[in-house]
Amino acid sequence: ADTDWKNHVISGGPFIPAGHTPQQEITLERNPSYLAAPLPRLGRVVFRVVPSEQGLMTQLLAGEIDFVSSVSPNEIDRIRSRDDLEMVISDNRSYTHICWNTTRPLLADPIVRAALTAAIDRQTLIDVVYGGFGRIGIGPVLSTFWAFNRDLAPLPFDPTAARDALAAAGWSDSNGDGVIDRDGEPFAIELLAAAENELRQDIVLLVQADLERVGVKIEPRFVEWGTLMATMDSGDFDAMVNMWEEPTQIDLEGLWHSAADDEPTFNFGRYANPEVDRLLAEVAEIDNAEEQKPLLDEIQRIVVADQPYTFLVENARITAHSSRIGGAEINAATPFFNIDEWFIEED
């Protein structure tokens, strides 16, 4: 993060690096050698690092920045009330989830993890936290992608079935304190989220209320992002609310292949299924998407059955920009899809 990378980057695109202040901003300027000249229409683009959503919105509303690539749904009304701002809502390539640490004894059983998912009212979560923008999550491939297993559907919200499954796994409220227990151990877990992200904190609180209705005690913990990253890497957590943005190329290995304890991995919940490992290896040997599809379908089926994640929401992308920006076409691939055609409207 501290590398001044402007001297190490070669670009054939519309912009070239012009400056970098670590943790503050990155400046690009028009590439005079761009093959699609006379584009781009902007002479300079500055990406600014803003550590909090509140700070980001403050700068947008004050006219200090022109574009925000991801806006929290609770800001929609404020943006719509402004004549000098425009908002675009589109599909996104991301999903929000709860990552369960499958190495924790309380969370090691797929039946228990599926029961936790069944106890969470994901549609109400979307309505309350996301303002209705988003779809209930299904599995590790977004439902808008070509590789999605069309035979899969969201696990239903069913608190009664969740209670029954937990009871069948040996969990009951033996002392009447409202928390289920087994062999004298209460079902109590800590649920982490980034302290800088109010939306994910709201998710934690709704999940806490839902799970406590089936006797699972949730202890919310909100930590600074750097601390959360270190905790994820170490694997020293029970569960966390997180989000992944998916590449346009389907690549499931990084998240779903088993990893040794001392091996760097994005598989933070330490999920391990030998059949998934075998199928991932098969997919890696095949270049043809049509031949990969049945293997990817089976991987998704197994992961959904195992529920190492509770797939909460397939997110919508909400962007906001100053009305002085013209020519912007926002789509699911990237909010900067045609940035070489953007321009500033003259007053």
Protein backbone atom coordinates (compact mmCIF):
# COMPACT_ATOMS: atom_id res chain seq x y z
CA ALA A 1 0.00 0.00 0.00
CA ASP A 2 2.97 2.31 0.48
CA THR A 3 4.53 1.66 -2.92
CA ASP A 4 4.56 4.62 -5.27
CA TRP A 5 3.45 2.50 -8.19
CA LYS A 6 3.23 5.25 -10.82
CA ASN A 7 6.72 4.40 -12.06
CA HIS A 8 5.89 0.70 -12.37
CA VAL A 9 2.69 0.79 -14.42
CA ILE A 10 2.36 0.72 -18.20
CA SER A 11 -1.06 1.60 -19.63
CA GLY A 12 -2.49 1.36 -23.11
CA GLY A 13 -5.86 2.53 -21.81
CA PRO A 14 -7.45 5.98 -21.76
CA PHE A 15 -5.53 7.17 -18.67
CA ILE A 16 -2.03 6.86 -17.28
CA PRO A 17 -0.81 7.26 -13.67
CA ALA A 18 0.04 10.80 -12.68
CA GLY A 19 0.29 10.67 -8.89
CA HIS A 20 -0.26 8.55 -5.81
CA THR A 21 -0.51 9.59 -2.20
CA PRO A 22 -0.79 6.34 -0.20
CA GLN A 23 -4.06 5.98 1.71
CA GLN A 24 -5.30 9.30 0.30
CA GLU A 25 -5.67 9.48 -3.47
CA ILE A 26 -4.63 8.22 -6.89
CA THR A 27 -4.47 10.59 -9.85
CA LEU A 28 -4.77 9.55 -13.50
CA GLU A 29 -4.36 11.81 -16.52
CA ARG A 30 -5.34 11.55 -20.17
CA ASN A 31 -3.13 9.14 -22.14
CA PRO A 32 -1.84 11.06 -25.18
CA SER A 33 -1.07 7.74 -26.91
CA TYR A 34 -4.54 6.21 -26.43
CA LEU A 35 -5.47 4.41 -29.64
CA ALA A 36 -9.09 5.60 -29.50
CA ALA A 37 -8.14 9.29 -29.70
CA PRO A 38 -9.63 11.88 -29.34
CA LEU A 39 -10.97 10.04 -26.30
CA PRO A 40 -10.90 10.28 -23.33
CA ARG A 41 -12.85 13.48 -22.87
CA LEU A 42 -11.69 14.02 -19.26
CA GLY A 43 -8.23 15.40 -18.77
CA ARG A 44 -7.79 13.97 -15.28
CA VAL A 45 -9.47 11.55 -12.87
CA VAL A 46 -8.74 11.53 -9.14
CA PHE A 47 -9.70 8.53 -6.98
CA ARG A 48 -9.95 9.60 -3.36
CA VAL A 49 -9.73 7.25 -0.38
CA VAL A 50 -12.44 8.04 2.19
CA PRO A 51 -12.38 5.76 5.24
CA SER A 52 -16.06 5.92 6.17
CA GLU A 53 -19.41 5.89 4.37
CA GLN A 54 -20.52 8.93 6.34
CA GLY A 55 -17.45 10.88 5.26
CA LEU A 56 -18.01 9.83 1.66
CA MET A 57 -21.59 11.09 1.65
CA THR A 58 -20.60 14.32 3.38
CA GLN A 59 -18.12 15.08 0.60
CA LEU A 60 -20.59 14.11 -2.14
CA LEU A 61 -23.34 16.32 -0.72
CA ALA A 62 -20.89 19.19 -0.27
CA GLY A 63 -19.82 18.95 -3.92
CA GLU A 64 -16.25 18.01 -2.97
CA ILE A 65 -16.40 14.80 -5.00
CA ASP A 66 -18.35 14.02 -8.17
CA PHE A 67 -18.89 10.27 -8.13
CA VAL A 68 -19.50 7.54 -5.53
CA SER A 69 -19.39 3.99 -6.88
CA SER A 70 -21.28 2.38 -4.00
CA VAL A 71 -23.97 4.16 -2.00
CA SER A 72 -25.72 2.73 1.05
CA PRO A 73 -29.48 2.26 0.48
CA ASN A 74 -30.27 4.43 3.49
CA GLU A 75 -28.86 7.41 1.55
CA ILE A 76 -31.25 7.02 -1.40
CA ASP A 77 -33.83 9.54 -0.18
CA ARG A 78 -31.18 12.19 0.45
CA ILE A 79 -29.76 11.75 -3.03
CA ARG A 80 -33.17 11.82 -4.69
CA SER A 81 -33.97 15.08 -2.92
CA ARG A 82 -31.03 16.84 -4.58
CA ASP A 83 -31.34 18.43 -8.02
CA ASP A 84 -27.56 18.46 -8.39
CA LEU A 85 -27.16 14.68 -7.97
CA GLU A 86 -28.16 11.68 -10.06
CA MET A 87 -28.50 8.06 -8.96
CA VAL A 88 -28.22 4.83 -10.96
CA ILE A 89 -29.33 1.41 -9.67
CA SER A 90 -28.01 -1.67 -11.50
CA ASP A 91 -27.09 -5.29 -10.94
CA ASN A 92 -23.88 -5.84 -9.04
CA ARG A 93 -21.32 -8.63 -9.02
CA SER A 94 -21.27 -8.97 -5.26
CA TYR A 95 -22.98 -10.87 -2.49
CA THR A 96 -23.13 -10.29 1.25
CA HIS A 97 -22.90 -13.32 3.49
CA ILE A 98 -22.16 -14.68 6.94
CA CYS A 99 -18.97 -16.71 6.93
CA TRP A 100 -19.18 -19.48 9.54
CA ASN A 101 -15.90 -20.76 10.93
CA THR A 102 -16.36 -24.45 10.20
CA THR A 103 -13.48 -25.40 12.53
CA ARG A 104 -15.44 -24.19 15.56
CA PRO A 105 -17.16 -27.19 17.23
CA LEU A 106 -20.48 -25.32 17.44
CA LEU A 107 -20.42 -24.64 13.69
CA ALA A 108 -18.79 -27.79 12.32
CA ASP A 109 -22.06 -29.58 11.46
CA PRO A 110 -23.61 -28.65 8.06
CA ILE A 111 -27.06 -29.46 9.48
CA VAL A 112 -26.55 -26.86 12.21
CA ARG A 113 -25.29 -24.26 9.73
CA ALA A 114 -28.32 -24.88 7.49
CA ALA A 115 -30.57 -24.45 10.54
CA LEU A 116 -28.97 -21.09 11.26
CA THR A 117 -29.66 -20.00 7.69
CA ALA A 118 -33.28 -21.15 7.93
CA ALA A 119 -33.72 -19.04 11.08
CA ILE A 120 -32.63 -15.80 9.36
CA ASP A 121 -35.35 -13.76 7.62
CA ARG A 122 -33.30 -12.67 4.64
CA GLN A 123 -36.15 -10.96 2.77
CA THR A 124 -36.94 -8.74 5.74
CA LEU A 125 -33.21 -8.02 6.02
CA ILE A 126 -33.21 -6.88 2.38
CA ASP A 127 -36.30 -4.74 2.92
CA VAL A 128 -35.04 -3.11 6.11
CA VAL A 129 -31.31 -2.75 5.52
CA TYR A 130 -31.16 -2.53 1.72
CA GLY A 131 -34.38 -0.64 1.12
CA GLY A 132 -35.67 -3.57 -0.92
CA PHE A 133 -32.78 -3.44 -3.39
CA GLY A 134 -31.20 -6.88 -3.79
CA ARG A 135 -32.12 -10.56 -4.08
CA ILE A 136 -31.94 -13.31 -1.49
CA GLY A 137 -28.59 -15.05 -1.84
CA ILE A 138 -28.51 -18.65 -3.01
CA GLY A 139 -24.96 -19.92 -3.40
CA PRO A 140 -21.37 -19.26 -4.44
CA VAL A 141 -22.25 -18.22 -8.01
CA LEU A 142 -24.53 -15.23 -8.53
CA SER A 143 -27.91 -16.00 -10.08
CA THR A 144 -27.21 -13.49 -12.87
CA PHE A 145 -24.09 -15.40 -14.04
CA TRP A 146 -24.02 -17.96 -16.85
CA ALA A 147 -22.52 -20.59 -14.53
CA PHE A 148 -25.31 -20.42 -11.93
CA ASN A 149 -26.96 -23.75 -11.12
CA ARG A 150 -30.57 -23.08 -12.15
CA ASP A 151 -31.80 -26.03 -10.07
CA LEU A 152 -30.92 -24.20 -6.85
CA ALA A 153 -33.22 -21.91 -4.89
CA PRO A 154 -32.77 -19.92 -1.67
CA LEU A 155 -33.10 -21.99 1.49
CA PRO A 156 -36.54 -21.07 2.89
CA PHE A 157 -37.00 -18.94 5.99
CA ASP A 158 -38.41 -21.48 8.44
CA PRO A 159 -37.71 -20.91 12.16
CA THR A 160 -39.75 -23.97 13.13
CA ALA A 161 -37.67 -26.23 10.89
CA ALA A 162 -34.54 -24.55 12.29
CA ARG A 163 -35.57 -25.33 15.87
CA ASP A 164 -36.38 -28.93 14.95
CA ALA A 165 -33.01 -29.40 13.20
CA LEU A 166 -31.12 -27.97 16.15
CA ALA A 167 -33.07 -30.21 18.52
CA ALA A 168 -32.28 -33.25 16.39
CA ALA A 169 -28.60 -32.28 16.63
CA GLY A 170 -28.89 -32.40 20.43
CA TRP A 171 -29.51 -28.75 21.24
CA SER A 172 -32.22 -27.86 23.77
CA ASP A 173 -32.87 -25.21 26.40
CA SER A 174 -32.26 -27.47 29.38
CA ASN A 175 -32.27 -24.73 32.03
CA GLY A 176 -34.96 -22.44 30.63
CA ASP A 177 -32.70 -19.41 30.17
CA GLY A 178 -33.71 -18.94 26.52
CA VAL A 179 -30.38 -20.20 25.14
CA ILE A 180 -30.13 -23.74 23.76
CA ASP A 181 -27.32 -25.89 25.11
CA ARG A 182 -25.75 -29.31 24.67
CA ASP A 183 -23.69 -31.19 27.22
CA GLY A 184 -23.74 -28.10 29.41
CA GLU A 185 -22.39 -25.76 26.68
CA PRO A 186 -24.64 -22.89 25.52
CA PHE A 187 -24.93 -22.18 21.81
CA ALA A 188 -23.29 -18.73 21.96
CA ILE A 189 -21.17 -17.31 19.17
CA GLU A 190 -19.55 -13.97 18.35
CA LEU A 191 -20.57 -12.30 15.09
CA LEU A 192 -18.06 -9.81 13.68
CA ALA A 193 -18.45 -6.88 11.29
CA ALA A 194 -16.39 -3.86 10.29
CA ALA A 195 -16.89 -0.88 12.60
CA GLU A 196 -16.69 1.46 9.59
CA ASN A 197 -19.63 -0.20 7.81
CA GLU A 198 -22.99 0.77 9.32
CA LEU A 199 -24.92 -1.42 6.89
CA ARG A 200 -23.15 -4.59 8.03
CA GLN A 201 -23.62 -3.60 11.65
CA ASP A 202 -27.37 -3.35 10.98
CA ILE A 203 -27.22 -6.83 9.45
CA VAL A 204 -25.54 -8.19 12.58
CA LEU A 205 -28.28 -6.78 14.80
CA LEU A 206 -31.09 -8.23 12.68
CA VAL A 207 -29.36 -11.62 12.53
CA GLN A 208 -28.87 -11.46 16.30
CA ALA A 209 -32.61 -10.97 16.83
CA ASP A 210 -33.57 -13.76 14.41
CA LEU A 211 -31.16 -16.34 15.84
CA GLU A 212 -31.99 -15.55 19.44
CA ARG A 213 -35.62 -16.48 18.60
CA VAL A 214 -34.43 -20.05 18.04
CA GLY A 215 -32.26 -20.02 21.15
CA VAL A 216 -28.88 -19.14 19.64
CA LYS A 217 -27.08 -16.36 21.51
CA ILE A 218 -25.25 -13.90 19.25
CA GLU A 219 -22.64 -11.55 20.66
CA PRO A 220 -22.10 -8.66 18.19
CA ARG A 221 -18.57 -7.34 17.84
CA PHE A 222 -17.65 -4.41 15.61
CA VAL A 223 -13.94 -3.92 14.95
CA GLU A 224 -11.77 -1.61 12.86
CA TRP A 225 -11.23 -2.93 9.32
CA GLY A 226 -7.52 -3.62 9.76
CA THR A 227 -8.22 -5.65 12.88
CA LEU A 228 -10.98 -7.52 11.09
CA MET A 229 -8.65 -8.41 8.22
CA ALA A 230 -6.04 -9.75 10.63
CA THR A 231 -8.72 -11.77 12.41
CA MET A 232 -9.97 -13.21 9.12
CA ASP A 233 -6.46 -14.21 8.09
CA SER A 234 -5.80 -15.89 11.43
CA GLY A 235 -9.10 -17.78 11.41
CA ASP A 236 -9.64 -16.78 15.04
CA PHE A 237 -13.36 -15.96 14.90
CA ASP A 238 -16.75 -17.66 15.11
CA ALA A 239 -18.60 -15.87 12.34
CA MET A 240 -18.46 -12.61 10.40
CA VAL A 241 -20.54 -10.59 7.99
CA ASN A 242 -18.56 -9.99 4.81
CA MET A 243 -19.02 -9.27 1.11
CA TRP A 244 -17.35 -10.66 -2.00
CA GLU A 245 -17.32 -8.96 -5.38
CA GLU A 246 -17.08 -11.63 -8.05
CA PRO A 247 -14.87 -11.40 -11.14
CA THR A 248 -16.55 -11.82 -14.51
CA GLN A 249 -14.55 -15.03 -14.92
CA ILE A 250 -15.86 -17.87 -12.74
CA ASP A 251 -13.13 -18.95 -10.33
CA LEU A 252 -14.30 -20.77 -7.20
CA GLU A 253 -10.98 -22.25 -6.09
CA GLY A 254 -9.77 -19.35 -3.95
CA LEU A 255 -12.83 -19.37 -1.69
CA TRP A 256 -13.85 -23.02 -1.63
CA HIS A 257 -10.72 -25.18 -1.91
CA SER A 258 -9.51 -26.51 1.43
CA ALA A 259 -6.38 -24.87 2.84
CA ALA A 260 -3.82 -25.82 5.45
CA ASP A 261 -3.82 -23.83 8.70
CA ASP A 262 -0.54 -22.11 7.83
CA GLU A 263 -1.47 -21.44 4.20
CA PRO A 264 -2.62 -17.97 3.07
CA THR A 265 -6.20 -18.28 1.86
CA PHE A 266 -9.44 -16.43 1.20
CA ASN A 267 -11.24 -19.48 2.58
CA PHE A 268 -11.50 -17.70 5.93
CA GLY A 269 -14.04 -20.14 7.38
CA ARG A 270 -11.68 -23.07 6.66
CA TYR A 271 -14.33 -24.93 4.70
CA ALA A 272 -13.12 -28.33 3.51
CA ASN A 273 -14.90 -30.91 1.39
CA PRO A 274 -12.80 -33.48 -0.52
CA GLU A 275 -15.38 -33.80 -3.28
CA VAL A 276 -15.37 -30.03 -3.86
CA ASP A 277 -11.56 -30.13 -3.99
CA ARG A 278 -11.69 -32.91 -6.58
CA LEU A 279 -14.25 -31.09 -8.74
CA LEU A 280 -12.28 -27.84 -8.57
CA ALA A 281 -9.20 -29.68 -9.84
CA GLU A 282 -11.28 -31.07 -12.74
CA VAL A 283 -12.59 -27.62 -13.63
CA ALA A 284 -9.04 -26.25 -13.69
CA GLU A 285 -8.09 -28.79 -16.36
CA ILE A 286 -10.94 -27.80 -18.71
CA ASP A 287 -10.91 -24.72 -20.94
CA ASN A 288 -14.40 -25.15 -22.40
CA ALA A 289 -17.18 -23.40 -20.46
CA GLU A 290 -19.81 -25.87 -21.68
CA GLU A 291 -17.81 -28.78 -20.25
CA GLN A 292 -17.13 -26.89 -17.01
CA LYS A 293 -20.82 -26.15 -16.41
CA PRO A 294 -21.96 -29.53 -14.96
CA LEU A 295 -18.93 -29.59 -12.67
CA LEU A 296 -19.63 -26.05 -11.48
CA ASP A 297 -23.27 -26.99 -10.95
CA GLU A 298 -22.23 -29.87 -8.70
CA ILE A 299 -19.80 -27.69 -6.73
CA GLN A 300 -22.60 -25.20 -6.09
CA ARG A 301 -25.00 -27.97 -5.03
CA ILE A 302 -22.50 -29.31 -2.47
CA VAL A 303 -21.58 -25.88 -1.09
CA VAL A 304 -25.23 -24.90 -0.69
CA ALA A 305 -25.92 -28.21 1.10
CA ASP A 306 -22.93 -27.65 3.42
CA GLN A 307 -23.79 -23.96 4.12
CA PRO A 308 -20.27 -22.77 5.07
CA TYR A 309 -21.79 -19.38 4.30
CA THR A 310 -25.26 -18.11 4.88
CA PHE A 311 -25.75 -16.40 1.53
CA LEU A 312 -27.73 -13.34 2.59
CA VAL A 313 -28.05 -10.93 -0.33
CA GLU A 314 -27.10 -10.61 -3.97
CA ASN A 315 -26.45 -6.90 -3.92
CA ALA A 316 -27.69 -4.18 -6.24
CA ARG A 317 -25.21 -1.46 -7.11
CA ILE A 318 -26.32 2.05 -6.23
CA THR A 319 -24.10 4.79 -7.61
CA ALA A 320 -24.46 8.53 -7.29
CA HIS A 321 -22.82 11.30 -9.23
CA SER A 322 -22.94 15.01 -9.75
CA SER A 323 -25.34 16.06 -12.47
CA ARG A 324 -22.44 17.89 -14.11
CA ILE A 325 -21.06 14.48 -15.21
CA GLY A 326 -22.30 13.49 -18.65
CA GLY A 327 -21.93 10.36 -20.76
CA ALA A 328 -21.67 7.86 -17.90
CA GLU A 329 -23.08 4.39 -18.59
CA ILE A 330 -23.17 2.34 -15.38
CA ASN A 331 -23.58 -1.43 -15.70
CA ALA A 332 -23.02 -4.69 -13.83
CA ALA A 333 -19.50 -5.13 -15.17
CA THR A 334 -18.11 -1.94 -13.63
CA PRO A 335 -19.33 1.55 -12.73
CA PHE A 336 -16.45 2.88 -14.84
CA PHE A 337 -17.44 0.93 -17.95
CA ASN A 338 -17.12 3.82 -20.42
CA ILE A 339 -15.13 6.33 -18.40
CA ASP A 340 -13.26 7.37 -21.54
CA GLU A 341 -16.55 8.89 -22.75
CA TRP A 342 -17.42 10.79 -19.56
CA PHE A 343 -17.34 14.56 -19.69
CA ILE A 344 -18.10 17.55 -17.50
CA GLU A 345 -21.18 19.55 -18.37
CA GLU A 346 -20.48 23.26 -18.64
CA ASP A 347 -22.66 25.58 -16.55
